[in-house]
Amino acid sequence: MGVFVFLPLVLPLSAWPVARLAELRLHPRTATRLLTAFATVMAVCSTLCLALLMVVGTAQLPGNPLPDGWSDPEVRAAVPYDEIAGKAAIPALTLVLAVCARTLRRHHRIARGARRALAGLPASSVVVLPEDRPYAYALPGGPRDRVVVTTALLRGLDPAERRALFAHERAHLTGRHHRYLLAVRLAARANPFLRPLRTAVTYTTERWADEDAARSVGSRRVVARAIGRAALLSGAGTTPAPAGFSGFASAGPVPRRVAALLGPAPLARSWPSVFTAVGLAAWGAAVGTLVSAMSSANSAVTMFLILYAATPL
């Protein structure tokens, strides 16, 4: 096992280059799926290795319920610097599990609260709230997926821009973008080195919906105009859209989204060519993810065999 047990904790650094390049060079759909896959696998691997380190650390604590053989020198020798790493992994893994559990609870609590707030309204796919604050967001789940928009925002948009707004929010629901956002949020909680991927996916999911909306209404310029106008109407105030769900002009840098829509449409490609900067970065991240998975698997199997041999029958 050796030092390989530590690799999954730092290998997420190999995905940093592709996080930025994917935003600029890949189709947003491809970028979202690619970055989410990298983040999820790396987060699982780093958490598994923390758990393996914790076993070594816990076995050294007096009064622990583990078999006595698990604290043998042979077991401790499987992890470099076992005295420090093993014991440090106990609070680290506890914190990771607590933060991820809190994130999941908060996500479900906010979603339930948003659905309860709409419970007395007609069961339609579009909910128009008579409010003076301009905002819109997609709310998945419940009896049906719903698009929530206020009269203040609708008044500020012309008919073509309204169609773009609804097409954008429906694209979030059709693409199940909230799942990608939740996955990368949990990954970033599990390993802080994955935060750049979370930021990138927040942007690429918005761009994915922008492109789908542009294809639906037949005009990229109309979608860009709708996003820009909605951002101006919202001003600097905070949107009441539920945290973790997609708002029309509240997620992702609006100027970059507008500029992308005013340019040519991105090419739909499932995997970038290796002869490009983004291709090299993607392959580098893929290799890092593969090494992370192999290191965690090797460490898990090695630790299992050592603990099995050290455990009295």
Protein backbone atom coordinates (compact mmCIF):
# COMPACT_ATOMS: atom_id res chain seq x y z
CA MET A 1 0.00 0.00 0.00
CA GLY A 2 2.70 2.48 1.03
CA VAL A 3 2.48 6.07 -0.16
CA PHE A 4 -0.17 5.11 -2.73
CA VAL A 5 -2.78 5.50 -0.02
CA PHE A 6 -2.12 9.25 -0.04
CA LEU A 7 -2.35 9.74 -3.82
CA PRO A 8 -6.18 9.99 -4.07
CA LEU A 9 -6.07 12.85 -1.56
CA VAL A 10 -3.98 15.07 -3.88
CA LEU A 11 -4.70 13.74 -7.39
CA PRO A 12 -7.76 16.06 -7.77
CA LEU A 13 -5.14 18.73 -8.51
CA SER A 14 -4.68 17.01 -11.90
CA ALA A 15 -8.22 18.07 -12.88
CA TRP A 16 -7.68 21.80 -12.35
CA PRO A 17 -6.47 22.52 -15.92
CA VAL A 18 -9.44 20.81 -17.55
CA ALA A 19 -11.90 22.61 -15.27
CA ARG A 20 -11.03 25.96 -16.84
CA LEU A 21 -10.43 24.75 -20.38
CA ALA A 22 -13.66 22.73 -20.48
CA GLU A 23 -15.67 25.89 -19.79
CA LEU A 24 -14.15 27.57 -22.83
CA ARG A 25 -13.50 24.82 -25.37
CA LEU A 26 -16.03 22.03 -24.88
CA HIS A 27 -19.75 21.85 -25.48
CA PRO A 28 -21.38 22.63 -22.12
CA ARG A 29 -23.16 19.27 -22.05
CA THR A 30 -19.90 17.39 -22.55
CA ALA A 31 -18.07 19.59 -20.04
CA THR A 32 -20.75 19.09 -17.38
CA ARG A 33 -20.75 15.31 -17.69
CA LEU A 34 -16.97 15.05 -17.90
CA LEU A 35 -16.23 17.27 -14.90
CA THR A 36 -18.96 15.69 -12.79
CA ALA A 37 -17.58 12.21 -13.51
CA PHE A 38 -14.04 13.27 -12.59
CA ALA A 39 -15.19 14.99 -9.40
CA THR A 40 -17.39 12.11 -8.25
CA VAL A 41 -14.80 9.37 -8.77
CA MET A 42 -12.00 11.37 -7.16
CA ALA A 43 -14.16 12.29 -4.17
CA VAL A 44 -15.14 8.66 -3.58
CA CYS A 45 -11.51 7.53 -3.84
CA SER A 46 -10.18 10.18 -1.45
CA THR A 47 -12.92 9.37 1.08
CA LEU A 48 -12.13 5.66 0.85
CA CYS A 49 -8.46 6.32 1.52
CA LEU A 50 -9.33 8.47 4.50
CA ALA A 51 -11.36 5.54 5.80
CA LEU A 52 -8.40 3.18 5.38
CA LEU A 53 -6.12 5.58 7.20
CA MET A 54 -8.71 5.94 9.94
CA VAL A 55 -8.73 2.19 10.53
CA VAL A 56 -5.02 2.32 11.28
CA GLY A 57 -5.45 5.34 13.53
CA THR A 58 -8.44 3.96 15.40
CA ALA A 59 -6.70 0.65 16.06
CA GLN A 60 -4.02 2.52 18.03
CA LEU A 61 -6.47 4.21 20.40
CA PRO A 62 -6.85 2.58 23.82
CA GLY A 63 -10.24 1.05 24.45
CA ASN A 64 -11.22 0.79 20.77
CA PRO A 65 -13.66 -2.02 19.86
CA LEU A 66 -11.49 -3.32 17.00
CA PRO A 67 -9.68 -6.67 17.18
CA ASP A 68 -6.30 -6.51 18.91
CA GLY A 69 -4.54 -7.80 15.82
CA TRP A 70 -5.47 -4.61 13.93
CA SER A 71 -2.96 -2.64 16.01
CA ASP A 72 -0.08 -5.03 15.29
CA PRO A 73 3.15 -3.53 13.90
CA GLU A 74 2.52 -5.26 10.55
CA VAL A 75 -0.76 -3.39 10.16
CA ARG A 76 0.73 -0.04 11.15
CA ALA A 77 3.69 -0.59 8.83
CA ALA A 78 1.31 -0.70 5.86
CA VAL A 79 0.75 3.06 6.20
CA PRO A 80 3.70 5.46 6.13
CA TYR A 81 3.80 7.80 9.12
CA ASP A 82 1.01 5.79 10.69
CA GLU A 83 1.30 7.60 14.02
CA ILE A 84 0.41 10.95 12.42
CA ALA A 85 -1.61 10.01 9.33
CA GLY A 86 -3.75 7.40 11.02
CA LYS A 87 -4.80 9.60 13.90
CA ALA A 88 -5.23 12.71 11.73
CA ALA A 89 -7.58 10.76 9.45
CA ILE A 90 -10.09 10.21 12.28
CA PRO A 91 -11.24 13.84 12.62
CA ALA A 92 -10.77 14.41 8.87
CA LEU A 93 -13.12 11.59 7.86
CA THR A 94 -15.59 12.53 10.59
CA LEU A 95 -15.66 16.08 9.24
CA VAL A 96 -16.11 14.93 5.64
CA LEU A 97 -19.04 12.66 6.51
CA ALA A 98 -20.67 15.31 8.69
CA VAL A 99 -20.36 18.04 6.07
CA CYS A 100 -21.66 15.80 3.26
CA ALA A 101 -24.60 14.66 5.40
CA ARG A 102 -25.39 18.28 6.26
CA THR A 103 -25.26 19.24 2.57
CA LEU A 104 -27.66 16.44 1.65
CA ARG A 105 -30.08 17.33 4.45
CA ARG A 106 -30.00 20.99 3.51
CA HIS A 107 -30.61 20.19 -0.16
CA HIS A 108 -33.66 18.06 0.59
CA ARG A 109 -34.96 20.49 3.20
CA ILE A 110 -34.78 23.43 0.79
CA ALA A 111 -36.45 21.42 -1.97
CA ARG A 112 -39.28 20.33 0.33
CA GLY A 113 -39.73 23.90 1.57
CA ALA A 114 -39.93 25.25 -1.98
CA ARG A 115 -42.52 22.63 -2.94
CA ARG A 116 -44.58 23.33 0.18
CA ALA A 117 -44.58 27.03 -0.67
CA LEU A 118 -46.19 26.17 -4.02
CA ALA A 119 -48.56 23.52 -2.65
CA GLY A 120 -51.68 25.70 -2.72
CA LEU A 121 -51.18 26.85 -6.33
CA PRO A 122 -52.57 25.17 -9.46
CA ALA A 123 -50.73 21.97 -10.37
CA SER A 124 -49.30 23.29 -13.63
CA SER A 125 -45.78 23.03 -15.02
CA VAL A 126 -45.40 26.83 -14.87
CA VAL A 127 -46.04 28.83 -11.70
CA VAL A 128 -46.33 32.62 -11.97
CA LEU A 129 -45.95 34.37 -8.62
CA PRO A 130 -47.35 37.91 -8.21
CA GLU A 131 -44.18 39.41 -6.76
CA ASP A 132 -42.26 42.65 -7.31
CA ARG A 133 -38.90 40.85 -7.26
CA PRO A 134 -37.81 39.63 -10.72
CA TYR A 135 -36.57 36.04 -10.64
CA ALA A 136 -37.15 32.62 -12.14
CA TYR A 137 -35.90 29.15 -11.35
CA ALA A 138 -36.46 25.47 -12.15
CA LEU A 139 -37.82 23.28 -9.34
CA PRO A 140 -37.50 19.54 -10.01
CA GLY A 141 -39.25 16.71 -8.20
CA GLY A 142 -42.58 16.44 -6.45
CA PRO A 143 -45.70 15.51 -8.44
CA ARG A 144 -44.18 17.27 -11.44
CA ASP A 145 -41.24 19.45 -12.43
CA ARG A 146 -42.11 23.13 -12.33
CA VAL A 147 -40.79 26.44 -13.64
CA VAL A 148 -41.30 29.28 -11.17
CA VAL A 149 -41.30 32.87 -12.42
CA THR A 150 -42.55 36.18 -11.04
CA THR A 151 -44.75 38.75 -12.74
CA ALA A 152 -42.03 41.37 -12.22
CA LEU A 153 -39.64 39.43 -14.45
CA LEU A 154 -42.26 38.64 -17.08
CA ARG A 155 -43.20 42.33 -17.33
CA GLY A 156 -39.60 43.24 -18.06
CA LEU A 157 -39.23 40.80 -20.98
CA ASP A 158 -40.77 40.90 -24.44
CA PRO A 159 -42.62 37.81 -25.80
CA ALA A 160 -39.53 36.34 -27.52
CA GLU A 161 -37.44 36.77 -24.38
CA ARG A 162 -40.14 35.10 -22.30
CA ARG A 163 -40.02 32.08 -24.61
CA ALA A 164 -36.25 32.00 -24.15
CA LEU A 165 -36.66 32.15 -20.37
CA PHE A 166 -39.08 29.21 -20.27
CA ALA A 167 -36.96 27.21 -22.72
CA HIS A 168 -33.90 27.78 -20.51
CA GLU A 169 -35.61 26.63 -17.33
CA ARG A 170 -37.18 23.61 -19.02
CA ALA A 171 -33.72 22.66 -20.29
CA HIS A 172 -32.53 22.54 -16.67
CA LEU A 173 -35.37 20.18 -15.82
CA THR A 174 -34.95 17.98 -18.90
CA GLY A 175 -31.19 17.68 -18.38
CA ARG A 176 -31.62 16.98 -14.62
CA HIS A 177 -28.97 19.59 -13.95
CA HIS A 178 -29.71 19.65 -10.23
CA ARG A 179 -28.20 16.17 -9.97
CA TYR A 180 -24.90 17.29 -11.47
CA LEU A 181 -24.85 20.32 -9.18
CA LEU A 182 -25.51 18.21 -6.10
CA ALA A 183 -22.86 15.65 -7.09
CA VAL A 184 -20.10 18.23 -7.52
CA ARG A 185 -21.16 20.04 -4.36
CA LEU A 186 -20.78 16.82 -2.37
CA ALA A 187 -17.47 16.10 -4.10
CA ALA A 188 -16.13 19.52 -3.16
CA ARG A 189 -17.19 18.92 0.45
CA ALA A 190 -15.38 15.58 0.46
CA ASN A 191 -12.16 17.03 -0.98
CA PRO A 192 -11.55 20.81 -1.09
CA PHE A 193 -9.20 20.34 -4.06
CA LEU A 194 -12.33 19.64 -6.16
CA ARG A 195 -13.85 23.10 -5.65
CA PRO A 196 -12.71 24.40 -9.06
CA LEU A 197 -14.71 21.60 -10.68
CA ARG A 198 -17.80 22.60 -8.69
CA THR A 199 -17.44 26.20 -9.88
CA ALA A 200 -16.96 25.05 -13.47
CA VAL A 201 -20.03 22.78 -13.42
CA THR A 202 -22.17 25.59 -11.99
CA TYR A 203 -21.24 27.58 -15.08
CA THR A 204 -21.46 24.77 -17.65
CA THR A 205 -24.96 23.71 -16.56
CA GLU A 206 -26.13 27.27 -17.21
CA ARG A 207 -24.41 27.28 -20.58
CA TRP A 208 -25.96 23.91 -21.38
CA ALA A 209 -29.41 25.35 -20.70
CA ASP A 210 -28.53 28.48 -22.69
CA GLU A 211 -27.61 26.42 -25.75
CA ASP A 212 -30.72 24.24 -25.48
CA ALA A 213 -32.87 27.37 -25.17
CA ALA A 214 -31.19 28.94 -28.21
CA ARG A 215 -31.90 25.83 -30.25
CA SER A 216 -35.50 25.75 -29.01
CA VAL A 217 -36.34 29.40 -29.84
CA GLY A 218 -34.13 29.46 -32.94
CA SER A 219 -32.07 32.51 -31.95
CA ARG A 220 -28.93 32.74 -29.84
CA ARG A 221 -29.22 36.54 -29.78
CA VAL A 222 -32.70 36.42 -28.24
CA VAL A 223 -31.47 34.17 -25.41
CA ALA A 224 -28.47 36.44 -24.82
CA ARG A 225 -30.75 39.47 -24.72
CA ALA A 226 -33.13 37.76 -22.30
CA ILE A 227 -30.29 36.80 -19.92
CA GLY A 228 -28.82 40.28 -20.00
CA ARG A 229 -32.15 41.99 -19.44
CA ALA A 230 -33.09 39.62 -16.60
CA ALA A 231 -29.73 40.33 -14.92
CA LEU A 232 -30.32 44.09 -15.22
CA LEU A 233 -33.81 43.74 -13.78
CA SER A 234 -32.52 41.67 -10.86
CA GLY A 235 -29.75 44.18 -10.14
CA ALA A 236 -27.39 43.41 -7.29
CA GLY A 237 -30.06 41.89 -5.06
CA THR A 238 -30.01 38.25 -4.11
CA THR A 239 -32.38 35.86 -5.81
CA PRO A 240 -34.83 33.86 -3.68
CA ALA A 241 -34.29 30.81 -5.88
CA PRO A 242 -33.64 27.70 -3.75
CA ALA A 243 -29.97 27.08 -3.10
CA GLY A 244 -28.62 24.32 -5.32
CA PHE A 245 -31.21 24.87 -8.05
CA SER A 246 -30.79 26.85 -11.23
CA GLY A 247 -31.96 30.43 -11.59
CA PHE A 248 -32.27 32.15 -14.96
CA ALA A 249 -29.77 35.01 -14.48
CA SER A 250 -28.39 34.24 -11.04
CA ALA A 251 -25.91 31.39 -11.69
CA GLY A 252 -22.72 31.64 -13.66
CA PRO A 253 -21.00 34.84 -14.84
CA VAL A 254 -23.69 36.58 -16.91
CA PRO A 255 -21.27 38.55 -19.16
CA ARG A 256 -19.47 35.33 -20.14
CA ARG A 257 -22.74 33.58 -20.88
CA VAL A 258 -23.95 36.46 -23.03
CA ALA A 259 -20.62 36.66 -24.88
CA ALA A 260 -20.71 32.91 -25.57
CA LEU A 261 -24.24 33.17 -26.99
CA LEU A 262 -23.23 36.05 -29.26
CA GLY A 263 -20.43 33.91 -30.68
CA PRO A 264 -20.67 30.72 -32.77
CA ALA A 265 -22.42 27.66 -31.36
CA PRO A 266 -20.06 25.15 -29.69
CA LEU A 267 -19.39 21.91 -31.49
CA ALA A 268 -21.10 18.87 -29.99
CA ARG A 269 -18.25 16.44 -29.34
CA SER A 270 -18.34 13.56 -26.88
CA TRP A 271 -14.58 13.69 -26.17
CA PRO A 272 -12.03 16.37 -27.06
CA SER A 273 -9.23 15.61 -29.48
CA VAL A 274 -5.93 14.77 -27.81
CA PHE A 275 -4.17 17.21 -30.15
CA THR A 276 -5.73 20.23 -28.42
CA ALA A 277 -5.02 21.95 -25.11
CA VAL A 278 -8.38 20.90 -23.67
CA GLY A 279 -7.81 17.37 -24.97
CA LEU A 280 -4.47 17.09 -23.19
CA ALA A 281 -6.01 18.51 -20.02
CA ALA A 282 -8.93 16.08 -20.24
CA TRP A 283 -6.63 13.11 -20.72
CA GLY A 284 -4.47 14.34 -17.85
CA ALA A 285 -7.54 14.50 -15.61
CA ALA A 286 -8.64 11.08 -16.86
CA VAL A 287 -5.25 9.59 -16.02
CA GLY A 288 -5.37 11.25 -12.61
CA THR A 289 -8.84 9.80 -12.02
CA LEU A 290 -7.71 6.34 -13.14
CA VAL A 291 -4.61 6.44 -10.93
CA SER A 292 -6.76 7.62 -8.03
CA ALA A 293 -9.17 4.72 -8.53
CA MET A 294 -6.35 2.19 -8.88
CA SER A 295 -4.51 3.54 -5.83
CA SER A 296 -7.60 3.43 -3.63
CA ALA A 297 -8.50 -0.06 -4.90
CA ASN A 298 -4.96 -1.32 -4.32
CA SER A 299 -4.88 0.20 -0.84
CA ALA A 300 -8.29 -1.25 0.03
CA VAL A 301 -7.36 -4.76 -1.11
CA THR A 302 -3.97 -4.62 0.62
CA MET A 303 -5.48 -3.37 3.86
CA PHE A 304 -8.20 -6.04 3.72
CA LEU A 305 -5.64 -8.82 3.29
CA ILE A 306 -3.45 -7.48 6.10
CA LEU A 307 -6.37 -7.05 8.49
CA TYR A 308 -7.74 -10.48 7.55
CA ALA A 309 -4.39 -12.07 8.34
CA ALA A 310 -4.07 -10.10 11.61
CA THR A 311 -7.57 -10.88 12.82
CA PRO A 312 -7.78 -13.94 15.11
CA LEU A 313 -10.29 -16.58 14.06
